[in-house]
Amino acid sequence: MSMEIVYPCSATVKQDVACRIIMVSAQQWPNLVHSLSPWSEGGILQSVADEGEFSGKTEQTLLLHANAKPSRLMLVGLGDETKITSRVYRTAASLAVQQLRQCHLSSWVFDLHLCCADTVVDVADCLFDGALLELYRFERYKSPGADGKDARLSDADVICCAFGAIAVDSLAAVQQRLTQRKIISAGVCLARDLVNEPGNVKTPSYLAQIAWQLAEEHHLKCTLLGPAELERQGFGALLAVAKGSICEPRLIALEYTGAGDASAPIALVGKGVTFDSGGISLKPGEGMDQMKMDMAGGAAVLATMGIIAQLQLPVNVIGVVPAVENMPSDRATRPGDIVTSLSGQTIEILNTDAEGRLILADAIAWVGKKNPAMIIDLATLTGACIMALGHHASAVLGNDDELVQGLRQAGEKVGERLWQLPLFEEYADQLKSQVADMKNIGGRPAGTITAAAFLQKFVAEIPWAHLDIAGTAWEEKGKPGQPSGGTGFGVRLLVEYLQSR
């Protein structure tokens, strides 16, 4: 599916689209009832108001028809105008597009005449973001009409998303922002695609192939390490996870240089377990199919690297994805085994289902040798994070408060919330081992924190932040802007943070 963006400076575009969409607050609604021609004529909107069909409440929608061009009007409520946030605009746009695609309408205009001139750029950006996120579907393995109702838009369909009633002096800024948003949203969709791919397709070598394609397309430097080189360099923790699978591991690194060779790079590290059975510490069968999403951190890193190259951000970034499959077999690592990590520290593996921290440990140690300015890792790391924060926020922990707060602010701006958990030195005591330098688990108490404390042992003194996205990387039921499946969480957050620098 392609998206055509129209940037009008007048209302004439309304003649060429199927539906006019107006976002309206509860305070704006009473005045709109009498001023929105032709729908206010004949008392149509007054009847709607009198009967309580629409009042401007948050997430309230109303689709009307009239003998006009366009013939359809959609009103979407924003609620109390003193409480409107970017999240409200984003959700409102997703709700509107959700209904329009169900009606097989593939062109619309967001009428921004109620929007203040000084906020029109940000509002247009949020609306376009919500629209693009809602259009995403992962249906490449479905036959058309297989479920008896085909409300899908095919790849050949062109979605015309227009923005009307924009002042001429705001046009260039709106156009620039929406062009950037289209690139970012395409990256989010790539991350979602990677997460949604089944495990029989998405092997470590498949992720490596995707990285190579991104490098060729966007002029990135790509480094791929296979089993022999990983063994030679001493990636003992990563290889311990990969041993049980017939699918060979890869260490994937993409490098973008936008600030000159003298500037230290920002390192992004994403967990890339393409399927996680738990290994010998086998997971329960129920829900194991979702473990194809255990590389969501890696997907976010790969997508982010492609985006920043297209946006030509003036920063240096290296994205690293340790990619493995965690399976049980006669070759698999056993609980109680001791391995030597790339850093030289030894690890007693008491639970093979705590594998993500093992591959991240070696990846962090590897990228640490490149003297990065900071390290940010993303991982679907612990079920304990879901118990603590549910599916509404990701945990963030780290050794640098400025970095952590910067990531939190970026997350708030794009609607990907982070919540900081403590990382006191005492938590590391739970990882002490009698036979090795550390254990790979710290017991049930504070599981998300002890996992981060484990990773911290491989960071040295580099500023570092860890994002546990276990509860936000996958959407079970679907909601506005997010169908069921991979969410692409972290992509917009990382891009926003890098842009802010």
Protein backbone atom coordinates (compact mmCIF):
# COMPACT_ATOMS: atom_id res chain seq x y z
CA MET A 1 0.00 0.00 0.00
CA SER A 2 1.30 3.46 -0.82
CA MET A 3 0.49 6.79 0.76
CA GLU A 4 0.14 9.98 -1.23
CA ILE A 5 0.30 13.18 0.79
CA VAL A 6 -1.38 16.34 -0.46
CA TYR A 7 -0.39 19.69 1.02
CA PRO A 8 -3.19 22.16 0.25
CA CYS A 9 -3.24 25.78 1.34
CA SER A 10 -6.97 26.17 0.75
CA ALA A 11 -10.19 24.17 1.05
CA THR A 12 -10.32 23.27 -2.66
CA VAL A 13 -8.84 19.83 -1.98
CA LYS A 14 -12.06 18.88 -0.21
CA GLN A 15 -13.70 18.52 -3.62
CA ASP A 16 -11.42 15.61 -4.53
CA VAL A 17 -11.57 13.35 -1.48
CA ALA A 18 -14.16 10.98 -0.06
CA CYS A 19 -14.36 12.30 3.47
CA ARG A 20 -13.65 15.46 5.44
CA ILE A 21 -12.38 14.83 8.97
CA ILE A 22 -12.66 17.45 11.68
CA MET A 23 -11.19 17.02 15.14
CA VAL A 24 -13.30 18.95 17.63
CA SER A 25 -13.00 19.54 21.37
CA ALA A 26 -15.96 19.61 23.73
CA GLN A 27 -15.65 23.40 23.96
CA GLN A 28 -15.57 23.87 20.16
CA TRP A 29 -18.57 21.66 19.47
CA PRO A 30 -21.41 24.10 20.39
CA ASN A 31 -20.08 26.73 17.95
CA LEU A 32 -19.44 24.17 15.20
CA VAL A 33 -23.10 23.07 15.33
CA HIS A 34 -24.16 26.37 13.77
CA SER A 35 -21.15 27.21 11.59
CA LEU A 36 -20.25 24.08 9.64
CA SER A 37 -21.83 24.42 6.23
CA PRO A 38 -23.57 22.53 4.66
CA TRP A 39 -24.02 20.10 7.55
CA SER A 40 -25.34 22.78 9.90
CA GLU A 41 -28.04 23.71 7.39
CA GLY A 42 -31.46 22.27 8.07
CA GLY A 43 -30.56 21.66 11.68
CA ILE A 44 -28.64 18.43 11.00
CA LEU A 45 -25.90 19.07 13.52
CA GLN A 46 -28.33 20.63 15.96
CA SER A 47 -30.33 17.39 15.94
CA VAL A 48 -27.14 15.44 16.51
CA ALA A 49 -26.37 17.65 19.51
CA ASP A 50 -29.90 17.55 20.89
CA GLU A 51 -30.04 13.76 20.73
CA GLY A 52 -26.59 13.38 22.30
CA GLU A 53 -25.11 11.49 19.34
CA PHE A 54 -21.99 13.60 19.53
CA SER A 55 -20.63 16.04 22.08
CA GLY A 56 -16.88 16.18 21.42
CA LYS A 57 -15.94 13.63 24.08
CA THR A 58 -12.61 11.86 23.76
CA GLU A 59 -12.59 9.08 21.12
CA GLN A 60 -16.21 9.85 20.12
CA THR A 61 -16.83 9.64 16.36
CA LEU A 62 -19.71 10.49 14.03
CA LEU A 63 -19.92 9.87 10.26
CA LEU A 64 -22.48 12.00 8.36
CA HIS A 65 -23.61 12.19 4.73
CA ALA A 66 -24.80 15.25 2.83
CA ASN A 67 -25.37 16.49 -0.69
CA ALA A 68 -21.99 18.13 -0.85
CA LYS A 69 -18.39 17.55 -1.84
CA PRO A 70 -17.03 15.63 -0.11
CA SER A 71 -20.25 13.82 0.63
CA ARG A 72 -19.05 12.48 3.97
CA LEU A 73 -18.06 14.27 7.15
CA MET A 74 -16.42 12.58 10.10
CA LEU A 75 -16.33 14.31 13.45
CA VAL A 76 -13.88 13.01 16.04
CA GLY A 77 -14.00 14.15 19.66
CA LEU A 78 -10.90 15.39 21.46
CA GLY A 79 -12.51 15.92 24.88
CA ASP A 80 -11.67 18.80 27.18
CA GLU A 81 -9.35 21.13 25.25
CA THR A 82 -7.28 21.76 28.39
CA LYS A 83 -6.37 18.06 28.46
CA ILE A 84 -5.58 17.49 24.78
CA THR A 85 -2.15 15.91 24.23
CA SER A 86 -0.29 14.49 21.25
CA ARG A 87 -1.57 11.08 22.32
CA VAL A 88 -5.17 12.33 22.04
CA TYR A 89 -4.61 13.61 18.48
CA ARG A 90 -2.80 10.44 17.48
CA THR A 91 -5.57 8.19 18.79
CA ALA A 92 -8.28 10.35 17.22
CA ALA A 93 -6.66 10.03 13.78
CA SER A 94 -6.30 6.27 14.19
CA LEU A 95 -9.99 5.94 15.11
CA ALA A 96 -11.03 7.98 12.08
CA VAL A 97 -8.90 5.95 9.66
CA GLN A 98 -10.08 2.71 11.27
CA GLN A 99 -13.67 3.55 10.36
CA LEU A 100 -12.81 4.88 6.92
CA ARG A 101 -10.95 1.75 5.87
CA GLN A 102 -13.90 -0.35 7.03
CA CYS A 103 -16.01 1.71 4.62
CA HIS A 104 -13.39 1.17 1.87
CA LEU A 105 -12.72 4.90 1.65
CA SER A 106 -9.15 5.50 0.59
CA SER A 107 -9.00 9.29 0.48
CA TRP A 108 -9.66 11.89 3.13
CA VAL A 109 -8.73 15.35 4.26
CA PHE A 110 -7.92 16.40 7.81
CA ASP A 111 -9.54 19.83 8.08
CA LEU A 112 -7.39 21.87 10.45
CA HIS A 113 -9.39 25.11 10.46
CA LEU A 114 -10.12 24.70 14.19
CA CYS A 115 -6.42 24.37 14.96
CA CYS A 116 -4.36 27.28 16.28
CA ALA A 117 -1.77 28.53 13.81
CA ASP A 118 1.11 28.07 16.25
CA THR A 119 0.30 24.37 16.78
CA VAL A 120 -0.72 23.34 13.26
CA VAL A 121 2.64 21.69 12.46
CA ASP A 122 2.62 19.52 15.57
CA VAL A 123 -1.07 18.66 15.18
CA ALA A 124 -0.66 17.66 11.54
CA ASP A 125 2.32 15.51 12.52
CA CYS A 126 0.36 13.71 15.25
CA LEU A 127 -2.63 13.13 12.96
CA PHE A 128 -0.49 11.74 10.16
CA ASP A 129 1.36 9.54 12.64
CA GLY A 130 -1.91 8.11 13.94
CA ALA A 131 -3.23 7.56 10.42
CA LEU A 132 -0.13 5.73 9.21
CA LEU A 133 0.08 3.52 12.29
CA GLU A 134 -3.57 2.53 11.84
CA LEU A 135 -3.09 1.58 8.17
CA TYR A 136 -0.56 -1.12 9.03
CA ARG A 137 -1.59 -4.76 8.72
CA PHE A 138 0.52 -7.94 8.56
CA GLU A 139 -1.37 -10.01 6.01
CA ARG A 140 1.25 -11.30 3.61
CA TYR A 141 0.39 -14.93 4.40
CA LYS A 142 -3.41 -14.52 4.09
CA SER A 143 -5.37 -15.19 0.93
CA PRO A 144 -7.75 -12.35 -0.04
CA GLY A 145 -11.17 -12.93 1.48
CA ALA A 146 -9.98 -15.96 3.42
CA ASP A 147 -11.93 -14.90 6.49
CA GLY A 148 -15.14 -14.26 4.57
CA LYS A 149 -14.86 -10.50 4.85
CA ASP A 150 -12.14 -8.64 3.06
CA ALA A 151 -12.00 -5.09 4.37
CA ARG A 152 -8.35 -4.82 3.46
CA LEU A 153 -6.73 -2.29 1.20
CA SER A 154 -4.45 -3.97 -1.31
CA ASP A 155 -0.85 -3.03 -1.99
CA ALA A 156 -2.06 -1.36 -5.18
CA ASP A 157 -4.36 1.04 -3.34
CA VAL A 158 -3.15 4.59 -2.97
CA ILE A 159 -4.22 6.27 0.23
CA CYS A 160 -4.66 9.99 -0.30
CA CYS A 161 -4.19 11.80 3.00
CA ALA A 162 -4.71 15.53 2.62
CA PHE A 163 -4.39 18.41 5.05
CA GLY A 164 -6.64 21.41 4.53
CA ALA A 165 -7.02 24.94 5.90
CA ILE A 166 -3.29 25.44 6.44
CA ALA A 167 -1.92 28.96 6.25
CA VAL A 168 0.61 29.57 3.50
CA ASP A 169 3.35 30.52 5.96
CA SER A 170 2.96 27.14 7.71
CA LEU A 171 2.89 25.03 4.56
CA ALA A 172 6.63 24.39 4.19
CA ALA A 173 7.00 23.40 7.84
CA VAL A 174 4.02 21.05 7.64
CA GLN A 175 5.31 19.47 4.45
CA GLN A 176 8.76 18.91 5.94
CA ARG A 177 7.37 17.37 9.12
CA LEU A 178 5.00 15.04 7.26
CA THR A 179 7.76 13.90 4.92
CA GLN A 180 9.84 12.98 7.96
CA ARG A 181 6.85 11.28 9.57
CA LYS A 182 6.31 9.10 6.51
CA ILE A 183 9.92 7.88 6.72
CA ILE A 184 9.63 7.19 10.46
CA SER A 185 6.32 5.36 10.10
CA ALA A 186 7.74 3.19 7.33
CA GLY A 187 10.49 2.22 9.77
CA VAL A 188 7.94 1.35 12.44
CA CYS A 189 6.15 -0.85 9.91
CA LEU A 190 9.44 -2.60 9.08
CA ALA A 191 9.98 -3.32 12.77
CA ARG A 192 6.43 -4.63 13.06
CA ASP A 193 6.92 -6.84 10.00
CA LEU A 194 10.10 -8.31 11.46
CA VAL A 195 8.43 -9.07 14.78
CA ASN A 196 5.39 -10.61 13.08
CA GLU A 197 7.38 -12.89 10.78
CA PRO A 198 7.10 -16.54 11.86
CA GLY A 199 10.08 -18.31 13.33
CA ASN A 200 10.44 -20.68 10.37
CA VAL A 201 11.20 -17.64 8.20
CA LYS A 202 12.89 -15.32 10.67
CA THR A 203 16.17 -17.00 11.52
CA PRO A 204 19.32 -15.15 12.64
CA SER A 205 20.59 -15.31 9.06
CA TYR A 206 17.30 -13.75 7.89
CA LEU A 207 17.85 -10.77 10.21
CA ALA A 208 21.39 -10.51 8.90
CA GLN A 209 20.04 -10.43 5.35
CA ILE A 210 17.62 -7.63 6.26
CA ALA A 211 20.50 -5.68 7.81
CA TRP A 212 22.59 -6.13 4.68
CA GLN A 213 19.72 -4.87 2.52
CA LEU A 214 19.31 -1.82 4.75
CA ALA A 215 23.03 -1.14 4.49
CA GLU A 216 22.99 -1.31 0.70
CA GLU A 217 19.85 0.82 0.41
CA HIS A 218 20.89 3.54 2.85
CA HIS A 219 24.71 3.48 2.53
CA LEU A 220 25.45 2.06 5.96
CA LYS A 221 28.48 0.04 6.95
CA CYS A 222 27.44 -3.53 7.78
CA THR A 223 29.44 -6.04 9.82
CA LEU A 224 28.22 -9.63 10.17
CA LEU A 225 29.96 -12.14 12.43
CA GLY A 226 29.17 -15.84 12.01
CA PRO A 227 29.81 -18.80 14.34
CA ALA A 228 33.50 -19.22 13.54
CA GLU A 229 34.35 -15.56 14.10
CA LEU A 230 32.20 -15.39 17.24
CA GLU A 231 34.09 -18.40 18.58
CA ARG A 232 37.45 -16.89 17.66
CA GLN A 233 36.70 -13.60 19.39
CA GLY A 234 35.31 -15.28 22.51
CA PHE A 235 31.53 -14.65 22.48
CA GLY A 236 31.03 -17.42 25.03
CA ALA A 237 27.73 -16.16 26.47
CA LEU A 238 26.10 -15.62 23.07
CA LEU A 239 27.26 -18.97 21.74
CA ALA A 240 25.96 -20.72 24.86
CA VAL A 241 22.44 -19.60 23.92
CA ALA A 242 22.81 -20.53 20.26
CA LYS A 243 24.20 -24.04 20.86
CA GLY A 244 20.85 -25.81 20.96
CA SER A 245 19.64 -24.60 17.56
CA ILE A 246 20.47 -25.72 14.06
CA CYS A 247 20.14 -22.06 13.02
CA GLU A 248 23.54 -20.41 13.20
CA PRO A 249 23.92 -17.23 15.26
CA ARG A 250 24.94 -13.85 13.92
CA LEU A 251 26.24 -10.65 15.41
CA ILE A 252 24.85 -7.84 13.26
CA ALA A 253 26.28 -4.31 13.29
CA LEU A 254 25.17 -1.33 11.20
CA GLU A 255 27.14 1.92 11.36
CA TYR A 256 25.93 5.36 10.34
CA THR A 257 28.33 8.31 10.25
CA GLY A 258 26.49 11.62 10.12
CA ALA A 259 28.74 13.72 12.35
CA GLY A 260 32.25 12.99 11.07
CA ASP A 261 34.74 10.38 12.18
CA ALA A 262 35.89 12.36 15.22
CA SER A 263 32.55 12.18 17.04
CA ALA A 264 32.01 9.18 19.36
CA PRO A 265 29.06 7.07 18.24
CA ILE A 266 25.86 6.41 20.13
CA ALA A 267 25.47 2.65 20.46
CA LEU A 268 22.07 0.99 20.14
CA VAL A 269 21.91 -2.68 21.10
CA GLY A 270 18.78 -4.77 20.47
CA LYS A 271 18.05 -8.29 21.69
CA GLY A 272 17.60 -10.58 18.69
CA VAL A 273 16.25 -13.95 19.86
CA THR A 274 14.35 -14.97 16.74
CA PHE A 275 12.46 -17.66 18.63
CA ASP A 276 12.65 -18.41 22.32
CA SER A 277 11.54 -21.84 23.46
CA GLY A 278 13.35 -21.36 26.76
CA GLY A 279 15.97 -23.93 25.86
CA ILE A 280 16.38 -26.78 28.36
CA SER A 281 14.42 -24.61 30.85
CA LEU A 282 11.49 -25.07 28.47
CA LYS A 283 8.65 -22.56 28.50
CA PRO A 284 5.01 -23.69 28.92
CA GLY A 285 3.34 -24.55 25.63
CA GLU A 286 0.54 -22.02 26.00
CA GLY A 287 1.48 -18.77 24.34
CA MET A 288 4.84 -20.03 23.14
CA ASP A 289 3.91 -19.07 19.58
CA GLN A 290 4.31 -15.42 20.61
CA MET A 291 7.98 -16.02 21.32
CA LYS A 292 8.72 -15.15 17.71
CA MET A 293 8.59 -11.58 19.07
CA ASP A 294 11.62 -12.00 21.32
CA MET A 295 13.73 -10.07 18.80
CA ALA A 296 11.60 -6.91 19.02
CA GLY A 297 14.51 -4.94 20.47
CA GLY A 298 16.67 -5.97 17.53
CA ALA A 299 13.91 -5.07 15.08
CA ALA A 300 13.66 -1.59 16.63
CA VAL A 301 17.41 -1.07 16.27
CA LEU A 302 17.51 -2.18 12.61
CA ALA A 303 14.53 0.01 11.72
CA THR A 304 16.01 3.00 13.55
CA MET A 305 19.28 2.72 11.64
CA GLY A 306 17.41 2.85 8.33
CA ILE A 307 15.40 5.88 9.44
CA ILE A 308 18.27 8.02 10.70
CA ALA A 309 20.19 7.37 7.49
CA GLN A 310 17.24 8.64 5.45
CA LEU A 311 16.75 11.65 7.73
CA GLN A 312 20.51 12.32 7.54
CA LEU A 313 20.74 13.14 11.22
CA PRO A 314 24.04 14.80 12.25
CA VAL A 315 25.02 12.02 14.67
CA ASN A 316 27.16 8.89 14.60
CA VAL A 317 25.27 5.72 15.53
CA ILE A 318 26.17 2.05 15.62
CA GLY A 319 23.34 -0.44 15.88
CA VAL A 320 24.15 -3.93 17.16
CA VAL A 321 21.86 -6.97 17.14
CA PRO A 322 23.02 -10.28 18.63
CA ALA A 323 20.80 -12.75 16.78
CA VAL A 324 20.22 -16.32 17.99
CA GLU A 325 17.52 -18.95 18.30
CA ASN A 326 17.06 -20.52 21.75
CA MET A 327 16.14 -24.20 21.41
CA PRO A 328 16.46 -27.43 23.44
CA SER A 329 18.54 -30.24 21.96
CA ASP A 330 21.36 -32.65 22.80
CA ARG A 331 23.75 -29.76 22.13
CA ALA A 332 21.93 -27.15 24.21
CA THR A 333 23.39 -25.43 27.23
CA ARG A 334 22.31 -27.07 30.51
CA PRO A 335 21.30 -25.37 33.76
CA GLY A 336 24.43 -25.30 35.89
CA ASP A 337 26.84 -24.82 32.98
CA ILE A 338 29.52 -22.13 33.34
CA VAL A 339 30.60 -20.03 30.37
CA THR A 340 33.15 -17.29 29.80
CA SER A 341 31.75 -14.11 28.29
CA LEU A 342 33.49 -11.82 25.81
CA SER A 343 34.44 -9.53 28.70
CA GLY A 344 36.29 -12.42 30.39
CA GLN A 345 33.77 -12.66 33.25
CA THR A 346 32.36 -16.10 33.96
CA ILE A 347 28.64 -16.79 34.21
CA GLU A 348 26.84 -19.67 35.93
CA ILE A 349 23.74 -20.32 33.82
CA LEU A 350 21.02 -21.47 36.21
CA ASN A 351 18.12 -20.88 33.83
CA THR A 352 18.48 -21.17 30.06
CA ASP A 353 15.29 -19.12 29.63
CA ALA A 354 17.19 -16.08 30.95
CA GLU A 355 19.05 -16.02 27.66
CA GLY A 356 18.51 -12.47 26.48
CA ARG A 357 20.85 -10.99 29.04
CA LEU A 358 23.57 -13.45 27.95
CA ILE A 359 23.59 -12.38 24.30
CA LEU A 360 23.25 -8.70 25.29
CA ALA A 361 26.21 -9.03 27.66
CA ASP A 362 28.53 -10.05 24.84
CA ALA A 363 27.06 -7.49 22.41
CA ILE A 364 27.46 -4.68 24.95
CA ALA A 365 31.02 -5.72 25.69
CA TRP A 366 31.80 -5.85 21.96
CA VAL A 367 30.40 -2.39 21.16
CA GLY A 368 32.00 -1.01 24.33
CA LYS A 369 35.40 -1.57 22.71
CA LYS A 370 34.44 1.05 20.11
CA ASN A 371 34.36 3.75 22.82
CA PRO A 372 30.77 4.89 22.28
CA ALA A 373 29.47 8.08 23.87
CA MET A 374 26.63 6.04 25.37
CA ILE A 375 24.90 2.68 25.08
CA ILE A 376 21.13 2.20 24.86
CA ASP A 377 19.84 -1.35 24.82
CA LEU A 378 16.30 -2.57 24.14
CA ALA A 379 15.07 -6.03 24.99
CA THR A 380 11.96 -8.07 25.67
CA LEU A 381 13.88 -9.20 28.70
CA THR A 382 11.69 -10.13 31.68
CA GLY A 383 8.16 -11.27 32.42
CA ALA A 384 8.64 -9.45 35.72
CA CYS A 385 8.43 -6.18 33.79
CA ILE A 386 4.92 -7.09 32.64
CA MET A 387 3.96 -7.87 36.22
CA ALA A 388 5.28 -4.48 37.34
CA LEU A 389 4.08 -2.18 34.54
CA GLY A 390 1.60 -4.16 32.49
CA HIS A 391 1.38 -3.32 28.81
CA HIS A 392 1.18 0.47 29.07
CA ALA A 393 4.81 1.39 29.71
CA SER A 394 8.32 0.00 29.39
CA ALA A 395 10.89 0.00 32.16
CA VAL A 396 14.03 2.10 31.88
CA LEU A 397 17.08 1.69 34.09
CA GLY A 398 20.62 2.96 33.77
CA ASN A 399 23.74 4.49 35.24
CA ASP A 400 23.26 7.99 33.77
CA ASP A 401 20.25 10.02 34.88
CA GLU A 402 20.55 12.58 32.10
CA LEU A 403 20.36 9.82 29.50
CA VAL A 404 17.44 8.12 31.26
CA GLN A 405 15.46 11.35 31.55
CA GLY A 406 16.19 12.24 27.93
CA LEU A 407 14.77 8.91 26.82
CA ARG A 408 11.72 9.37 29.05
CA GLN A 409 11.03 12.79 27.57
CA ALA A 410 11.37 11.44 24.03
CA GLY A 411 8.98 8.60 24.91
CA GLU A 412 6.37 10.98 26.29
CA LYS A 413 6.51 13.07 23.13
CA VAL A 414 5.88 10.17 20.76
CA GLY A 415 3.51 8.17 22.99
CA GLU A 416 5.96 5.42 23.99
CA ARG A 417 6.08 5.75 27.75
CA LEU A 418 9.01 4.75 29.93
CA TRP A 419 8.99 4.36 33.70
CA GLN A 420 12.25 4.43 35.64
CA LEU A 421 13.05 1.65 38.10
CA PRO A 422 15.88 1.87 40.67
CA LEU A 423 19.22 0.18 40.17
CA PHE A 424 20.76 0.23 43.64
CA GLU A 425 24.03 -1.62 44.18
CA GLU A 426 22.31 -4.03 46.58
CA TYR A 427 20.35 -5.62 43.72
CA ALA A 428 23.59 -6.97 42.26
CA ASP A 429 24.06 -9.06 45.42
CA GLN A 430 21.29 -11.36 44.18
CA LEU A 431 23.54 -12.35 41.27
CA LYS A 432 26.45 -13.62 43.35
CA SER A 433 27.54 -17.14 42.53
CA GLN A 434 29.60 -19.59 44.59
CA VAL A 435 31.27 -21.08 41.54
CA ALA A 436 31.52 -18.23 38.98
CA ASP A 437 31.74 -14.46 38.79
CA MET A 438 27.95 -14.23 38.63
CA LYS A 439 24.68 -16.11 38.06
CA ASN A 440 22.42 -15.29 35.15
CA ILE A 441 19.34 -15.01 37.40
CA GLY A 442 18.77 -13.31 40.74
CA GLY A 443 15.63 -15.10 41.89
CA ARG A 444 12.01 -13.92 41.78
CA PRO A 445 12.32 -10.62 43.71
CA ALA A 446 12.87 -7.56 41.47
CA GLY A 447 13.44 -9.66 38.36
CA THR A 448 13.51 -6.71 35.96
CA ILE A 449 16.02 -4.87 38.11
CA THR A 450 18.37 -7.81 38.64
CA ALA A 451 18.37 -8.44 34.88
CA ALA A 452 19.51 -4.85 34.38
CA ALA A 453 22.06 -5.25 37.20
CA PHE A 454 23.45 -8.23 35.28
CA LEU A 455 23.85 -6.14 32.11
CA GLN A 456 25.49 -3.33 34.04
CA LYS A 457 28.43 -5.62 34.82
CA PHE A 458 29.38 -5.46 31.12
CA VAL A 459 28.96 -1.72 30.57
CA ALA A 460 32.07 -0.51 32.45
CA GLU A 461 31.91 3.29 32.92
CA ILE A 462 30.06 4.12 29.70
CA PRO A 463 26.77 6.05 30.11
CA TRP A 464 24.09 3.41 29.63
CA ALA A 465 20.33 2.93 29.66
CA HIS A 466 18.38 -0.30 29.45
CA LEU A 467 14.81 -0.48 28.12
CA ASP A 468 12.82 -3.57 29.05
CA ILE A 469 10.06 -3.67 26.43
CA ALA A 470 8.61 -7.07 27.33
CA GLY A 471 5.16 -5.63 27.98
CA THR A 472 4.98 -3.21 25.07
CA ALA A 473 6.53 -5.03 22.11
CA TRP A 474 3.41 -7.11 21.42
CA GLU A 475 -0.28 -6.18 21.27
CA GLU A 476 -2.64 -9.06 22.01
CA LYS A 477 -6.08 -7.73 21.02
CA GLY A 478 -5.43 -4.66 18.90
CA LYS A 479 -6.29 -1.01 19.53
CA PRO A 480 -6.38 2.26 17.55
CA GLY A 481 -3.10 2.66 15.71
CA GLN A 482 -1.95 -0.80 16.70
CA PRO A 483 -3.41 -4.01 15.26
CA SER A 484 -2.66 -7.24 17.10
CA GLY A 485 0.94 -8.37 16.80
CA GLY A 486 4.24 -6.54 16.86
CA THR A 487 4.04 -2.89 17.91
CA GLY A 488 7.38 -1.53 16.71
CA PHE A 489 7.85 -0.03 20.17
CA GLY A 490 11.06 1.89 20.56
CA VAL A 491 11.55 3.03 16.97
CA ARG A 492 9.85 6.42 17.28
CA LEU A 493 11.32 6.87 20.76
CA LEU A 494 14.89 6.29 19.58
CA VAL A 495 14.48 8.50 16.53
CA GLU A 496 13.01 11.31 18.65
CA TYR A 497 15.85 11.02 21.13
CA LEU A 498 18.50 11.06 18.41
CA GLN A 499 16.83 14.03 16.72
CA SER A 500 16.82 15.90 20.03
CA ARG A 501 20.61 15.57 20.18
